[in-house]
Amino acid sequence: MTLDQFIEKHGITMTLKKVEENPYLFDSSSMTNHYRATLRFQGRKMSVPFSTGSAWKEDPTVKVVLNCLANDAVSVEVARSFGEWADDLGLSSDLAQWERVYRASCKQTERLKKFLGPHLYRVLVWQVDKD
């Protein structure tokens, strides 16, 4: 199943609101567009900050945001610790800053599980073709 099919099958929708900054970015110099993305599914909602660079000329879609959430979840799921997560992503500088990002990614992953429910979360993260 593709990500587009997953979104359509489950009726996942999203609204965007432009905001001034992304509170989770510690170096936002390359990011120029900041949003609060609110996903909706079966009466539940999940809001996340989302940023894009200057090359983006269109607002992000539900597919783009959900793909990023799923990829972040994979990075958290396969790591056993912050150190392993940082190594997997090739991070070596500003580790204290990156640890804040890791903790936020862990919380976001738990919120995504609650938003979709455990079964659909596993389908999204491990079975859906996200390309």
Protein backbone atom coordinates (compact mmCIF):
# COMPACT_ATOMS: atom_id res chain seq x y z
CA MET A 1 0.00 0.00 0.00
CA THR A 2 1.29 3.46 -0.83
CA LEU A 3 1.16 6.39 1.55
CA ASP A 4 -1.45 8.07 -0.67
CA GLN A 5 -3.63 4.93 -0.46
CA PHE A 6 -3.17 4.74 3.33
CA ILE A 7 -4.23 8.38 3.73
CA GLU A 8 -7.26 7.98 1.47
CA LYS A 9 -8.35 4.63 2.94
CA HIS A 10 -8.31 5.98 6.49
CA GLY A 11 -9.59 9.48 5.70
CA ILE A 12 -6.68 11.30 7.28
CA THR A 13 -6.91 15.05 6.72
CA MET A 14 -4.80 18.03 7.70
CA THR A 15 -5.00 21.76 8.18
CA LEU A 16 -2.03 24.12 8.26
CA LYS A 17 -1.47 27.35 10.09
CA LYS A 18 1.56 29.54 9.37
CA VAL A 19 3.56 30.30 12.52
CA GLU A 20 6.68 32.34 13.26
CA GLU A 21 8.99 29.53 14.37
CA ASN A 22 9.42 25.84 15.09
CA PRO A 23 10.21 25.42 18.80
CA TYR A 24 12.16 22.20 18.14
CA LEU A 25 14.66 23.69 15.69
CA PHE A 26 17.87 24.97 17.23
CA ASP A 27 19.30 26.06 13.87
CA SER A 28 16.48 27.29 11.69
CA SER A 29 18.68 29.34 9.35
CA SER A 30 17.86 27.05 6.41
CA MET A 31 14.17 26.82 7.29
CA THR A 32 11.99 29.67 6.18
CA ASN A 33 8.43 28.38 6.34
CA HIS A 34 7.03 27.30 9.68
CA TYR A 35 3.63 25.72 10.23
CA ARG A 36 1.45 24.10 12.84
CA ALA A 37 0.09 21.02 11.04
CA THR A 38 -3.04 19.48 12.54
CA LEU A 39 -3.83 15.96 11.38
CA ARG A 40 -7.34 14.55 11.87
CA PHE A 41 -8.42 10.90 11.95
CA GLN A 42 -11.57 9.29 13.35
CA GLY A 43 -12.38 12.20 15.63
CA ARG A 44 -8.82 12.46 16.93
CA LYS A 45 -6.32 15.16 16.12
CA MET A 46 -2.58 15.57 16.39
CA SER A 47 -0.82 18.91 15.99
CA VAL A 48 2.89 19.14 15.21
CA PRO A 49 5.28 21.90 14.21
CA PHE A 50 6.53 21.49 10.66
CA SER A 51 9.12 23.54 8.76
CA THR A 52 10.32 23.69 5.17
CA GLY A 53 13.25 25.37 3.47
CA SER A 54 13.20 28.23 1.02
CA ALA A 55 13.13 25.87 -1.99
CA TRP A 56 9.59 24.83 -1.05
CA LYS A 57 7.14 26.92 -3.02
CA GLU A 58 3.96 25.16 -1.91
CA ASP A 59 2.50 24.36 1.48
CA PRO A 60 3.26 20.84 2.71
CA THR A 61 0.58 18.22 2.12
CA VAL A 62 -0.78 15.61 4.52
CA LYS A 63 1.40 13.09 2.65
CA VAL A 64 4.58 15.11 3.26
CA VAL A 65 3.85 15.65 6.97
CA LEU A 66 2.78 12.04 7.62
CA ASN A 67 5.82 10.75 5.73
CA CYS A 68 8.12 12.83 7.96
CA LEU A 69 6.34 11.64 11.10
CA ALA A 70 6.66 8.02 9.97
CA ASN A 71 10.35 8.42 9.13
CA ASP A 72 11.02 10.07 12.49
CA ALA A 73 9.20 7.17 14.16
CA VAL A 74 11.37 4.63 12.34
CA SER A 75 14.53 6.41 13.50
CA VAL A 76 13.32 6.27 17.10
CA GLU A 77 12.05 2.68 16.90
CA VAL A 78 15.30 1.21 15.57
CA ALA A 79 17.52 3.01 18.10
CA ARG A 80 17.94 1.63 21.60
CA SER A 81 19.22 4.88 23.04
CA PHE A 82 20.02 8.49 22.25
CA GLY A 83 23.62 7.52 21.45
CA GLU A 84 22.53 4.90 18.94
CA TRP A 85 19.99 7.30 17.39
CA ALA A 86 22.68 10.00 17.02
CA ASP A 87 25.13 7.48 15.51
CA ASP A 88 22.48 6.21 13.06
CA LEU A 89 21.88 9.76 11.86
CA GLY A 90 25.59 10.61 11.69
CA LEU A 91 25.37 13.31 14.35
CA SER A 92 28.53 14.22 16.18
CA SER A 93 28.35 17.92 17.07
CA ASP A 94 25.99 19.78 19.39
CA LEU A 95 24.92 16.52 21.01
CA ALA A 96 23.16 18.32 23.85
CA GLN A 97 20.96 20.12 21.31
CA TRP A 98 20.33 16.90 19.40
CA GLU A 99 19.32 15.11 22.59
CA ARG A 100 16.47 17.62 22.90
CA VAL A 101 15.42 16.72 19.34
CA TYR A 102 15.63 13.01 20.17
CA ARG A 103 13.42 13.39 23.25
CA ALA A 104 10.90 15.40 21.22
CA SER A 105 10.96 12.70 18.50
CA CYS A 106 10.28 10.01 21.11
CA LYS A 107 7.30 11.95 22.46
CA GLN A 108 6.05 12.66 18.94
CA THR A 109 6.28 8.94 18.10
CA GLU A 110 4.18 8.07 21.16
CA ARG A 111 1.63 10.70 20.12
CA LEU A 112 1.52 9.23 16.59
CA LYS A 113 0.85 5.75 18.06
CA LYS A 114 -2.00 7.15 20.13
CA PHE A 115 -3.36 9.16 17.19
CA LEU A 116 -3.48 6.20 14.78
CA GLY A 117 -3.82 3.38 17.29
CA PRO A 118 -1.17 0.66 17.65
CA HIS A 119 -2.23 -1.41 14.63
CA LEU A 120 -2.39 1.40 12.06
CA TYR A 121 0.77 2.92 13.51
CA ARG A 122 2.64 -0.35 12.81
CA VAL A 123 1.14 -0.50 9.31
CA LEU A 124 2.22 3.08 8.57
CA VAL A 125 5.72 2.73 9.96
CA TRP A 126 6.62 -0.77 8.75
CA GLN A 127 4.35 -1.69 5.82
CA VAL A 128 3.36 1.42 3.88
CA ASP A 129 5.49 2.36 0.87
CA LYS A 130 6.33 5.95 1.72
CA ASP A 131 8.08 6.94 -1.52
